[in-house]
Amino acid sequence: MRFEDAFKIVLGFEGGYVNDSDDRGGETNYGITASTLNSAKNKGWVPFNITIKDIKLEYAKTIYKKGYWDAVQADSLPHPLDLILFDSAVNHGPNAAVKLLQKSLNTLLPYTELKVDGIIGPLTMRAVNDYVGLGITPGLHPNSNIRYLCIDVLLNRVELYSSIVNNNRSQEKFLRGWLNRVFKLKQQAGL
């Protein structure tokens, strides 16, 4: 059920077919690039005769579930971190999304020095659980820790967008849309 809700939210950000020559992802539909579609075909997730232009929603959903939701182990993450990481995976790739999380965990858990490698293994999952399970500060909402973690991941994402633009000025035209996505995601996640 969590995937279904998250899928609807993320799909709302991605939209339909786009072929902007300045977009480094190239031709996309439902946020799925040609290379992602080819990878999904090779893994047997979608038929070989599907093209970016004619990809159906049901195939996009399969790719989102197997290629992004499952790749960041979203079912094992608390809500709304599952949504935040899933959307980050769709937008940046699963490894980059996990790196955003690992960077946040290293910042928020000073005794933790996770390798920022983009792999959501047992150490990263343990750090998530440790952080979420920390003592609750009196007067704060019981879910404050997860809120702080989600917000820190989103801030890391804003830094990533800034880095992308600083490294390639042609991407500046997308910055406002990327930032709006983060702000809307924050609202959708109830943060």
N, C-alpha and C. Protein backbone atom coordinates (compact mmCIF):
# COMPACT_ATOMS: atom_id res chain seq x y z
N MET A 1 0.82 -1.20 0.00
CA MET A 1 0.00 0.00 0.00
C MET A 1 0.87 1.26 0.00
N ARG A 2 1.97 1.22 0.76
CA ARG A 2 2.85 2.39 0.80
C ARG A 2 3.44 2.65 -0.59
N PHE A 3 3.81 1.59 -1.30
CA PHE A 3 4.35 1.79 -2.64
C PHE A 3 3.31 2.45 -3.55
N GLU A 4 2.07 1.98 -3.48
CA GLU A 4 1.01 2.54 -4.34
C GLU A 4 0.87 4.05 -4.13
N ASP A 5 0.84 4.47 -2.87
CA ASP A 5 0.71 5.90 -2.56
C ASP A 5 1.94 6.67 -3.04
N ALA A 6 3.13 6.11 -2.76
CA ALA A 6 4.37 6.77 -3.16
C ALA A 6 4.47 6.86 -4.68
N PHE A 7 4.06 5.80 -5.36
CA PHE A 7 4.10 5.79 -6.83
C PHE A 7 3.26 6.92 -7.40
N LYS A 8 2.07 7.12 -6.87
CA LYS A 8 1.19 8.19 -7.36
C LYS A 8 1.83 9.56 -7.16
N ILE A 9 2.46 9.76 -6.01
CA ILE A 9 3.09 11.04 -5.72
C ILE A 9 4.25 11.29 -6.68
N VAL A 10 5.14 10.32 -6.81
CA VAL A 10 6.32 10.49 -7.65
C VAL A 10 5.92 10.61 -9.12
N LEU A 11 4.96 9.85 -9.56
CA LEU A 11 4.50 9.95 -10.93
C LEU A 11 3.98 11.36 -11.23
N GLY A 12 3.36 11.97 -10.23
CA GLY A 12 2.88 13.34 -10.39
C GLY A 12 4.01 14.33 -10.65
N PHE A 13 5.19 14.05 -10.13
CA PHE A 13 6.35 14.90 -10.39
C PHE A 13 6.93 14.64 -11.77
N GLU A 14 6.87 13.41 -12.21
CA GLU A 14 7.55 13.02 -13.44
C GLU A 14 6.77 13.33 -14.70
N GLY A 15 5.46 13.14 -14.68
CA GLY A 15 4.67 13.44 -15.86
C GLY A 15 4.87 12.44 -16.98
N GLY A 16 4.58 12.88 -18.20
CA GLY A 16 4.61 12.00 -19.36
C GLY A 16 5.85 12.15 -20.22
N TYR A 17 5.66 12.05 -21.51
CA TYR A 17 6.77 12.04 -22.46
C TYR A 17 7.43 13.41 -22.55
N VAL A 18 8.78 13.41 -22.48
CA VAL A 18 9.58 14.64 -22.62
C VAL A 18 10.83 14.29 -23.40
N ASN A 19 11.21 15.20 -24.30
CA ASN A 19 12.47 15.04 -25.03
C ASN A 19 13.13 16.41 -25.16
N ASP A 20 13.75 16.85 -24.06
CA ASP A 20 14.43 18.14 -24.00
C ASP A 20 15.91 17.90 -24.29
N SER A 21 16.43 18.57 -25.30
CA SER A 21 17.82 18.34 -25.71
C SER A 21 18.82 18.73 -24.62
N ASP A 22 18.44 19.58 -23.69
CA ASP A 22 19.33 19.97 -22.59
C ASP A 22 19.28 19.01 -21.41
N ASP A 23 18.27 18.15 -21.37
CA ASP A 23 18.12 17.21 -20.26
C ASP A 23 19.14 16.09 -20.42
N ARG A 24 20.02 15.95 -19.43
CA ARG A 24 21.07 14.93 -19.51
C ARG A 24 20.49 13.52 -19.52
N GLY A 25 19.25 13.36 -19.04
CA GLY A 25 18.60 12.05 -19.08
C GLY A 25 18.09 11.69 -20.45
N GLY A 26 18.05 12.68 -21.34
CA GLY A 26 17.56 12.43 -22.69
C GLY A 26 16.05 12.25 -22.72
N GLU A 27 15.61 11.50 -23.69
CA GLU A 27 14.19 11.22 -23.89
C GLU A 27 13.66 10.42 -22.70
N THR A 28 12.54 10.88 -22.12
CA THR A 28 11.94 10.18 -20.98
C THR A 28 10.42 10.11 -21.12
N ASN A 29 9.85 9.14 -20.44
CA ASN A 29 8.40 9.03 -20.32
C ASN A 29 8.14 8.48 -18.92
N TYR A 30 7.27 9.13 -18.18
CA TYR A 30 7.03 8.80 -16.78
C TYR A 30 8.33 8.88 -15.97
N GLY A 31 9.28 9.70 -16.44
CA GLY A 31 10.56 9.82 -15.77
C GLY A 31 11.53 8.69 -16.07
N ILE A 32 11.16 7.80 -16.95
CA ILE A 32 12.00 6.65 -17.29
C ILE A 32 12.82 7.00 -18.54
N THR A 33 14.13 6.85 -18.42
CA THR A 33 15.02 7.13 -19.55
C THR A 33 15.12 5.90 -20.46
N ALA A 34 15.67 6.12 -21.63
CA ALA A 34 15.86 5.02 -22.58
C ALA A 34 16.79 3.96 -22.00
N SER A 35 17.85 4.38 -21.30
CA SER A 35 18.77 3.38 -20.73
C SER A 35 18.10 2.59 -19.61
N THR A 36 17.25 3.24 -18.82
CA THR A 36 16.52 2.53 -17.77
C THR A 36 15.55 1.54 -18.39
N LEU A 37 14.87 1.95 -19.46
CA LEU A 37 13.94 1.05 -20.14
C LEU A 37 14.69 -0.14 -20.73
N ASN A 38 15.83 0.09 -21.35
CA ASN A 38 16.61 -1.02 -21.91
C ASN A 38 17.08 -1.98 -20.83
N SER A 39 17.48 -1.44 -19.70
CA SER A 39 17.88 -2.28 -18.57
C SER A 39 16.70 -3.13 -18.09
N ALA A 40 15.52 -2.51 -18.01
CA ALA A 40 14.31 -3.24 -17.58
C ALA A 40 13.96 -4.35 -18.57
N LYS A 41 14.15 -4.09 -19.85
CA LYS A 41 13.91 -5.11 -20.87
C LYS A 41 14.86 -6.29 -20.67
N ASN A 42 16.14 -5.99 -20.48
CA ASN A 42 17.15 -7.04 -20.29
C ASN A 42 16.91 -7.86 -19.02
N LYS A 43 16.26 -7.26 -18.02
CA LYS A 43 15.96 -7.97 -16.78
C LYS A 43 14.64 -8.72 -16.86
N GLY A 44 13.92 -8.56 -17.97
CA GLY A 44 12.66 -9.26 -18.15
C GLY A 44 11.47 -8.59 -17.47
N TRP A 45 11.63 -7.34 -17.08
CA TRP A 45 10.54 -6.64 -16.39
C TRP A 45 9.47 -6.14 -17.35
N VAL A 46 9.87 -5.83 -18.58
CA VAL A 46 8.94 -5.32 -19.59
C VAL A 46 9.27 -5.99 -20.92
N PRO A 47 8.29 -6.05 -21.84
CA PRO A 47 8.55 -6.66 -23.14
C PRO A 47 9.58 -5.87 -23.96
N PHE A 48 10.28 -6.56 -24.85
CA PHE A 48 11.32 -5.94 -25.66
C PHE A 48 10.78 -4.96 -26.70
N ASN A 49 9.53 -5.10 -27.08
CA ASN A 49 8.99 -4.24 -28.15
C ASN A 49 8.51 -2.88 -27.66
N ILE A 50 8.63 -2.58 -26.38
CA ILE A 50 8.17 -1.30 -25.83
C ILE A 50 9.22 -0.22 -26.10
N THR A 51 8.74 0.96 -26.50
CA THR A 51 9.64 2.11 -26.67
C THR A 51 9.29 3.17 -25.63
N ILE A 52 10.17 4.13 -25.48
CA ILE A 52 9.91 5.22 -24.53
C ILE A 52 8.59 5.91 -24.84
N LYS A 53 8.34 6.18 -26.09
CA LYS A 53 7.12 6.91 -26.46
C LYS A 53 5.85 6.14 -26.13
N ASP A 54 5.89 4.81 -26.24
CA ASP A 54 4.64 4.05 -26.04
C ASP A 54 4.62 3.21 -24.75
N ILE A 55 5.52 3.51 -23.82
CA ILE A 55 5.52 2.75 -22.57
C ILE A 55 4.19 2.97 -21.84
N LYS A 56 3.63 1.91 -21.36
CA LYS A 56 2.35 1.97 -20.65
C LYS A 56 2.58 2.16 -19.16
N LEU A 57 1.59 2.71 -18.50
CA LEU A 57 1.69 3.00 -17.07
C LEU A 57 2.02 1.73 -16.27
N GLU A 58 1.44 0.62 -16.64
CA GLU A 58 1.70 -0.63 -15.89
C GLU A 58 3.18 -1.02 -15.95
N TYR A 59 3.84 -0.77 -17.09
CA TYR A 59 5.26 -1.08 -17.19
C TYR A 59 6.09 -0.08 -16.40
N ALA A 60 5.67 1.18 -16.45
CA ALA A 60 6.36 2.20 -15.65
C ALA A 60 6.29 1.83 -14.16
N LYS A 61 5.14 1.36 -13.74
CA LYS A 61 4.95 0.98 -12.34
C LYS A 61 5.88 -0.18 -11.95
N THR A 62 6.02 -1.14 -12.84
CA THR A 62 6.93 -2.26 -12.59
C THR A 62 8.36 -1.78 -12.46
N ILE A 63 8.76 -0.89 -13.35
CA ILE A 63 10.13 -0.35 -13.30
C ILE A 63 10.34 0.44 -12.01
N TYR A 64 9.37 1.24 -11.64
CA TYR A 64 9.48 2.03 -10.40
C TYR A 64 9.61 1.11 -9.19
N LYS A 65 8.81 0.06 -9.17
CA LYS A 65 8.82 -0.85 -8.01
C LYS A 65 10.14 -1.61 -7.93
N LYS A 66 10.51 -2.26 -9.01
CA LYS A 66 11.71 -3.12 -8.98
C LYS A 66 13.01 -2.31 -9.06
N GLY A 67 13.01 -1.26 -9.86
CA GLY A 67 14.24 -0.53 -10.10
C GLY A 67 14.55 0.57 -9.10
N TYR A 68 13.52 1.03 -8.38
CA TYR A 68 13.74 2.14 -7.46
C TYR A 68 13.28 1.82 -6.03
N TRP A 69 12.00 1.49 -5.88
CA TRP A 69 11.46 1.20 -4.54
C TRP A 69 12.22 0.04 -3.89
N ASP A 70 12.30 -1.08 -4.59
CA ASP A 70 13.00 -2.24 -4.04
C ASP A 70 14.50 -1.99 -3.92
N ALA A 71 15.06 -1.22 -4.86
CA ALA A 71 16.50 -0.98 -4.86
C ALA A 71 16.97 -0.20 -3.63
N VAL A 72 16.10 0.65 -3.08
CA VAL A 72 16.47 1.39 -1.86
C VAL A 72 15.85 0.77 -0.61
N GLN A 73 15.30 -0.43 -0.77
CA GLN A 73 14.68 -1.18 0.33
C GLN A 73 13.64 -0.33 1.08
N ALA A 74 12.82 0.37 0.31
CA ALA A 74 11.84 1.28 0.89
C ALA A 74 10.86 0.59 1.83
N ASP A 75 10.55 -0.68 1.57
CA ASP A 75 9.64 -1.40 2.48
C ASP A 75 10.22 -1.53 3.88
N SER A 76 11.54 -1.43 4.01
CA SER A 76 12.20 -1.56 5.32
C SER A 76 12.44 -0.21 5.98
N LEU A 77 12.08 0.86 5.31
CA LEU A 77 12.30 2.20 5.85
C LEU A 77 11.02 2.74 6.48
N PRO A 78 11.16 3.55 7.52
CA PRO A 78 9.97 4.16 8.12
C PRO A 78 9.38 5.22 7.19
N HIS A 79 8.10 5.44 7.34
CA HIS A 79 7.44 6.50 6.58
C HIS A 79 7.69 7.82 7.30
N PRO A 80 7.99 8.91 6.65
CA PRO A 80 8.00 9.16 5.21
C PRO A 80 9.38 9.02 4.55
N LEU A 81 10.36 8.48 5.28
CA LEU A 81 11.68 8.29 4.67
C LEU A 81 11.59 7.40 3.44
N ASP A 82 10.67 6.44 3.44
CA ASP A 82 10.49 5.58 2.27
C ASP A 82 10.16 6.40 1.03
N LEU A 83 9.24 7.35 1.17
CA LEU A 83 8.84 8.22 0.07
C LEU A 83 9.99 9.12 -0.37
N ILE A 84 10.69 9.71 0.59
CA ILE A 84 11.79 10.63 0.29
C ILE A 84 12.88 9.91 -0.50
N LEU A 85 13.25 8.72 -0.03
CA LEU A 85 14.32 7.97 -0.70
C LEU A 85 13.87 7.44 -2.06
N PHE A 86 12.62 7.01 -2.15
CA PHE A 86 12.08 6.52 -3.42
C PHE A 86 12.10 7.62 -4.47
N ASP A 87 11.60 8.80 -4.11
CA ASP A 87 11.59 9.91 -5.06
C ASP A 87 13.02 10.29 -5.46
N SER A 88 13.92 10.28 -4.50
CA SER A 88 15.33 10.59 -4.79
C SER A 88 15.91 9.55 -5.75
N ALA A 89 15.56 8.29 -5.56
CA ALA A 89 16.05 7.22 -6.43
C ALA A 89 15.54 7.40 -7.86
N VAL A 90 14.28 7.76 -8.01
CA VAL A 90 13.72 7.98 -9.35
C VAL A 90 14.42 9.16 -10.02
N ASN A 91 14.69 10.21 -9.25
CA ASN A 91 15.27 11.42 -9.82
C ASN A 91 16.78 11.35 -10.02
N HIS A 92 17.48 10.65 -9.13
CA HIS A 92 18.95 10.64 -9.18
C HIS A 92 19.56 9.26 -9.39
N GLY A 93 18.75 8.22 -9.28
CA GLY A 93 19.27 6.85 -9.30
C GLY A 93 19.36 6.33 -7.87
N PRO A 94 19.18 5.03 -7.70
CA PRO A 94 19.18 4.44 -6.35
C PRO A 94 20.48 4.67 -5.58
N ASN A 95 21.63 4.55 -6.23
CA ASN A 95 22.89 4.72 -5.50
C ASN A 95 23.05 6.15 -4.99
N ALA A 96 22.73 7.12 -5.82
CA ALA A 96 22.83 8.52 -5.39
C ALA A 96 21.85 8.80 -4.25
N ALA A 97 20.65 8.23 -4.31
CA ALA A 97 19.67 8.42 -3.24
C ALA A 97 20.19 7.87 -1.92
N VAL A 98 20.77 6.70 -1.96
CA VAL A 98 21.31 6.09 -0.74
C VAL A 98 22.48 6.91 -0.21
N LYS A 99 23.28 7.47 -1.10
CA LYS A 99 24.38 8.33 -0.65
C LYS A 99 23.86 9.55 0.10
N LEU A 100 22.75 10.11 -0.37
CA LEU A 100 22.14 11.24 0.34
C LEU A 100 21.76 10.83 1.76
N LEU A 101 21.17 9.65 1.89
CA LEU A 101 20.79 9.13 3.20
C LEU A 101 22.02 8.88 4.07
N GLN A 102 23.03 8.25 3.51
CA GLN A 102 24.24 7.94 4.28
C GLN A 102 24.93 9.21 4.77
N LYS A 103 24.96 10.22 3.92
CA LYS A 103 25.55 11.50 4.31
C LYS A 103 24.79 12.10 5.49
N SER A 104 23.46 12.03 5.42
CA SER A 104 22.63 12.55 6.52
C SER A 104 22.86 11.78 7.81
N LEU A 105 22.92 10.48 7.71
CA LEU A 105 23.15 9.66 8.90
C LEU A 105 24.50 9.96 9.53
N ASN A 106 25.52 10.18 8.71
CA ASN A 106 26.84 10.54 9.24
C ASN A 106 26.79 11.89 9.95
N THR A 107 25.97 12.81 9.46
CA THR A 107 25.83 14.12 10.08
C THR A 107 25.06 14.04 11.39
N LEU A 108 23.97 13.28 11.39
CA LEU A 108 23.06 13.25 12.54
C LEU A 108 23.48 12.26 13.64
N LEU A 109 24.25 11.26 13.28
CA LEU A 109 24.75 10.29 14.26
C LEU A 109 26.27 10.43 14.32
N PRO A 110 26.76 11.28 15.21
CA PRO A 110 28.20 11.57 15.20
C PRO A 110 29.10 10.36 15.44
N TYR A 111 28.59 9.34 16.08
CA TYR A 111 29.40 8.15 16.33
C TYR A 111 29.40 7.19 15.15
N THR A 112 28.60 7.50 14.14
CA THR A 112 28.50 6.63 12.97
C THR A 112 29.36 7.18 11.85
N GLU A 113 30.16 6.34 11.27
CA GLU A 113 30.93 6.73 10.10
C GLU A 113 30.65 5.72 8.99
N LEU A 114 29.48 5.90 8.40
CA LEU A 114 29.12 5.04 7.28
C LEU A 114 29.95 5.39 6.06
N LYS A 115 30.33 4.38 5.33
CA LYS A 115 30.96 4.62 4.04
C LYS A 115 29.85 5.12 3.11
N VAL A 116 30.05 6.27 2.50
CA VAL A 116 29.05 6.84 1.60
C VAL A 116 29.28 6.21 0.23
N ASP A 117 28.72 4.99 0.10
CA ASP A 117 28.98 4.17 -1.09
C ASP A 117 27.73 3.90 -1.93
N GLY A 118 26.57 4.36 -1.46
CA GLY A 118 25.34 4.14 -2.23
C GLY A 118 24.75 2.76 -2.09
N ILE A 119 25.28 1.97 -1.15
CA ILE A 119 24.77 0.62 -0.93
C ILE A 119 23.98 0.61 0.37
N ILE A 120 22.72 0.23 0.29
CA ILE A 120 21.88 0.22 1.49
C ILE A 120 21.96 -1.17 2.12
N GLY A 121 23.08 -1.40 2.77
CA GLY A 121 23.33 -2.68 3.41
C GLY A 121 22.96 -2.66 4.88
N PRO A 122 23.38 -3.68 5.62
CA PRO A 122 23.00 -3.79 7.03
C PRO A 122 23.49 -2.64 7.90
N LEU A 123 24.66 -2.07 7.60
CA LEU A 123 25.16 -0.97 8.42
C LEU A 123 24.31 0.29 8.24
N THR A 124 23.92 0.56 7.00
CA THR A 124 23.06 1.72 6.74
C THR A 124 21.69 1.51 7.39
N MET A 125 21.12 0.33 7.24
CA MET A 125 19.81 0.06 7.85
C MET A 125 19.90 0.15 9.38
N ARG A 126 20.98 -0.35 9.96
CA ARG A 126 21.15 -0.27 11.41
C ARG A 126 21.23 1.20 11.85
N ALA A 127 21.95 2.02 11.07
CA ALA A 127 22.07 3.44 11.40
C ALA A 127 20.71 4.14 11.33
N VAL A 128 19.90 3.79 10.32
CA VAL A 128 18.54 4.35 10.24
C VAL A 128 17.76 3.98 11.50
N ASN A 129 17.78 2.70 11.84
CA ASN A 129 17.03 2.24 13.01
C ASN A 129 17.56 2.85 14.30
N ASP A 130 18.88 3.00 14.42
CA ASP A 130 19.47 3.64 15.60
C ASP A 130 19.01 5.08 15.72
N TYR A 131 19.04 5.80 14.61
CA TYR A 131 18.65 7.21 14.65
C TYR A 131 17.17 7.37 14.98
N VAL A 132 16.35 6.58 14.32
CA VAL A 132 14.90 6.68 14.56
C VAL A 132 14.58 6.28 16.00
N GLY A 133 15.34 5.35 16.56
CA GLY A 133 15.08 4.87 17.92
C GLY A 133 15.70 5.68 19.03
N LEU A 134 16.43 6.75 18.68
CA LEU A 134 17.03 7.59 19.73
C LEU A 134 15.96 8.15 20.64
N GLY A 135 16.35 8.50 21.84
CA GLY A 135 15.41 9.08 22.80
C GLY A 135 14.70 10.30 22.24
N ILE A 136 13.47 10.44 22.57
CA ILE A 136 12.66 11.56 22.10
C ILE A 136 12.84 12.74 23.05
N THR A 137 13.07 13.91 22.49
CA THR A 137 13.22 15.12 23.29
C THR A 137 11.87 15.53 23.84
N PRO A 138 11.78 15.81 25.16
CA PRO A 138 10.49 16.22 25.74
C PRO A 138 9.92 17.44 25.03
N GLY A 139 8.63 17.40 24.80
CA GLY A 139 7.94 18.51 24.15
C GLY A 139 7.92 18.42 22.63
N LEU A 140 8.68 17.50 22.07
CA LEU A 140 8.67 17.34 20.62
C LEU A 140 7.79 16.17 20.22
N HIS A 141 7.33 16.22 19.00
CA HIS A 141 6.49 15.15 18.46
C HIS A 141 7.27 13.83 18.50
N PRO A 142 6.61 12.70 18.79
CA PRO A 142 7.32 11.42 18.86
C PRO A 142 8.07 11.04 17.60
N ASN A 143 7.65 11.55 16.45
CA ASN A 143 8.32 11.21 15.20
C ASN A 143 9.35 12.25 14.79
N SER A 144 9.81 13.06 15.75
CA SER A 144 10.75 14.14 15.42
C SER A 144 12.01 13.63 14.76
N ASN A 145 12.56 12.52 15.24
CA ASN A 145 13.81 12.03 14.68
C ASN A 145 13.68 11.69 13.20
N ILE A 146 12.62 11.02 12.83
CA ILE A 146 12.45 10.66 11.43
C ILE A 146 12.23 11.92 10.58
N ARG A 147 11.55 12.89 11.16
CA ARG A 147 11.34 14.17 10.45
C ARG A 147 12.68 14.85 10.17
N TYR A 148 13.53 14.92 11.19
CA TYR A 148 14.84 15.55 11.03
C TYR A 148 15.67 14.83 9.98
N LEU A 149 15.63 13.51 10.02
CA LEU A 149 16.38 12.73 9.04
C LEU A 149 15.88 13.01 7.63
N CYS A 150 14.58 13.01 7.44
CA CYS A 150 14.00 13.29 6.12
C CYS A 150 14.38 14.69 5.63
N ILE A 151 14.30 15.66 6.51
CA ILE A 151 14.62 17.04 6.12
C ILE A 151 16.10 17.15 5.76
N ASP A 152 16.96 16.47 6.51
CA ASP A 152 18.38 16.51 6.20
C ASP A 152 18.66 15.88 4.84
N VAL A 153 18.00 14.77 4.53
CA VAL A 153 18.16 14.14 3.21
C VAL A 153 17.71 15.11 2.12
N LEU A 154 16.59 15.80 2.35
CA LEU A 154 16.11 16.77 1.36
C LEU A 154 17.10 17.92 1.19
N LEU A 155 17.72 18.38 2.29
CA LEU A 155 18.73 19.44 2.19
C LEU A 155 19.95 18.96 1.41
N ASN A 156 20.33 17.72 1.63
CA ASN A 156 21.44 17.16 0.85
C ASN A 156 21.08 17.11 -0.63
N ARG A 157 19.82 16.87 -0.90
CA ARG A 157 19.36 16.81 -2.29
C ARG A 157 19.44 18.20 -2.94
N VAL A 158 19.08 19.23 -2.18
CA VAL A 158 19.20 20.60 -2.70
C VAL A 158 20.66 20.91 -2.99
N GLU A 159 21.56 20.48 -2.11
CA GLU A 159 23.00 20.67 -2.35
C GLU A 159 23.44 19.94 -3.62
N LEU A 160 22.90 18.75 -3.84
CA LEU A 160 23.23 18.00 -5.05
C LEU A 160 22.79 18.75 -6.30
N TYR A 161 21.58 19.30 -6.27
CA TYR A 161 21.10 20.08 -7.41
C TYR A 161 22.02 21.28 -7.66
N SER A 162 22.42 21.95 -6.59
CA SER A 162 23.32 23.10 -6.74
C SER A 162 24.64 22.67 -7.35
N SER A 163 25.14 21.54 -6.93
CA SER A 163 26.39 21.01 -7.47
C SER A 163 26.25 20.69 -8.96
N ILE A 164 25.13 20.11 -9.33
CA ILE A 164 24.88 19.79 -10.75
C ILE A 164 24.94 21.07 -11.59
N VAL A 165 24.27 22.11 -11.11
CA VAL A 165 24.23 23.38 -11.84
C VAL A 165 25.61 24.04 -11.86
N ASN A 166 26.32 24.00 -10.74
CA ASN A 166 27.65 24.60 -10.70
C ASN A 166 28.63 23.91 -11.64
N ASN A 167 28.43 22.61 -11.83
CA ASN A 167 29.31 21.85 -12.71
C ASN A 167 28.91 21.91 -14.17
N ASN A 168 27.66 22.30 -14.43
CA ASN A 168 27.18 22.34 -15.81
C ASN A 168 26.07 23.39 -15.90
N ARG A 169 26.43 24.59 -16.29
CA ARG A 169 25.48 25.71 -16.32
C ARG A 169 24.28 25.46 -17.23
N SER A 170 24.37 24.54 -18.18
CA SER A 170 23.23 24.27 -19.06
C SER A 170 22.06 23.66 -18.27
N GLN A 171 22.35 23.14 -17.08
CA GLN A 171 21.31 22.51 -16.26
C GLN A 171 20.56 23.52 -15.39
N GLU A 172 21.02 24.78 -15.40
CA GLU A 172 20.41 25.81 -14.56
C GLU A 172 18.93 26.02 -14.87
N LYS A 173 18.54 25.81 -16.10
CA LYS A 173 17.14 26.01 -16.48
C LYS A 173 16.20 25.02 -15.76
N PHE A 174 16.77 23.92 -15.23
CA PHE A 174 15.95 22.93 -14.52
C PHE A 174 15.91 23.16 -13.01
N LEU A 175 16.76 24.06 -12.51
CA LEU A 175 16.91 24.21 -11.06
C LEU A 175 15.61 24.57 -10.35
N ARG A 176 14.88 25.52 -10.88
CA ARG A 176 13.62 25.93 -10.23
C ARG A 176 12.65 24.74 -10.12
N GLY A 177 12.52 23.96 -11.18
CA GLY A 177 11.65 22.78 -11.16
C GLY A 177 12.13 21.74 -10.16
N TRP A 178 13.44 21.53 -10.09
CA TRP A 178 13.99 20.57 -9.13
C TRP A 178 13.70 21.01 -7.70
N LEU A 179 13.92 22.30 -7.43
CA LEU A 179 13.67 22.80 -6.07
C LEU A 179 12.18 22.74 -5.72
N ASN A 180 11.32 23.07 -6.69
CA ASN A 180 9.88 22.96 -6.46
C ASN A 180 9.50 21.52 -6.14
N ARG A 181 10.14 20.57 -6.80
CA ARG A 181 9.88 19.16 -6.53
C ARG A 181 10.21 18.83 -5.08
N VAL A 182 11.35 19.31 -4.60
CA VAL A 182 11.74 19.05 -3.21
C VAL A 182 10.73 19.66 -2.24
N PHE A 183 10.32 20.89 -2.50
CA PHE A 183 9.36 21.55 -1.60
C PHE A 183 8.00 20.83 -1.61
N LYS A 184 7.55 20.42 -2.79
CA LYS A 184 6.28 19.70 -2.88
C LYS A 184 6.40 18.31 -2.23
N LEU A 185 7.53 17.67 -2.40
CA LEU A 185 7.75 16.36 -1.76
C LEU A 185 7.71 16.51 -0.24
N LYS A 186 8.33 17.56 0.26
CA LYS A 186 8.31 17.84 1.71
C LYS A 186 6.86 17.97 2.18
N GLN A 187 6.03 18.66 1.44
CA GLN A 187 4.61 18.80 1.81
C GLN A 187 3.90 17.46 1.73
N GLN A 188 4.11 16.72 0.63
CA GLN A 188 3.45 15.43 0.46
C GLN A 188 3.83 14.46 1.57
N ALA A 189 5.07 14.60 2.08
CA ALA A 189 5.54 13.71 3.14
C ALA A 189 5.08 14.17 4.52
N GLY A 190 4.40 15.32 4.57
CA GLY A 190 3.89 15.82 5.84
C GLY A 190 4.97 16.38 6.77
N LEU A 191 6.01 16.92 6.16
CA LEU A 191 7.13 17.45 6.96
C LEU A 191 6.98 18.93 7.20
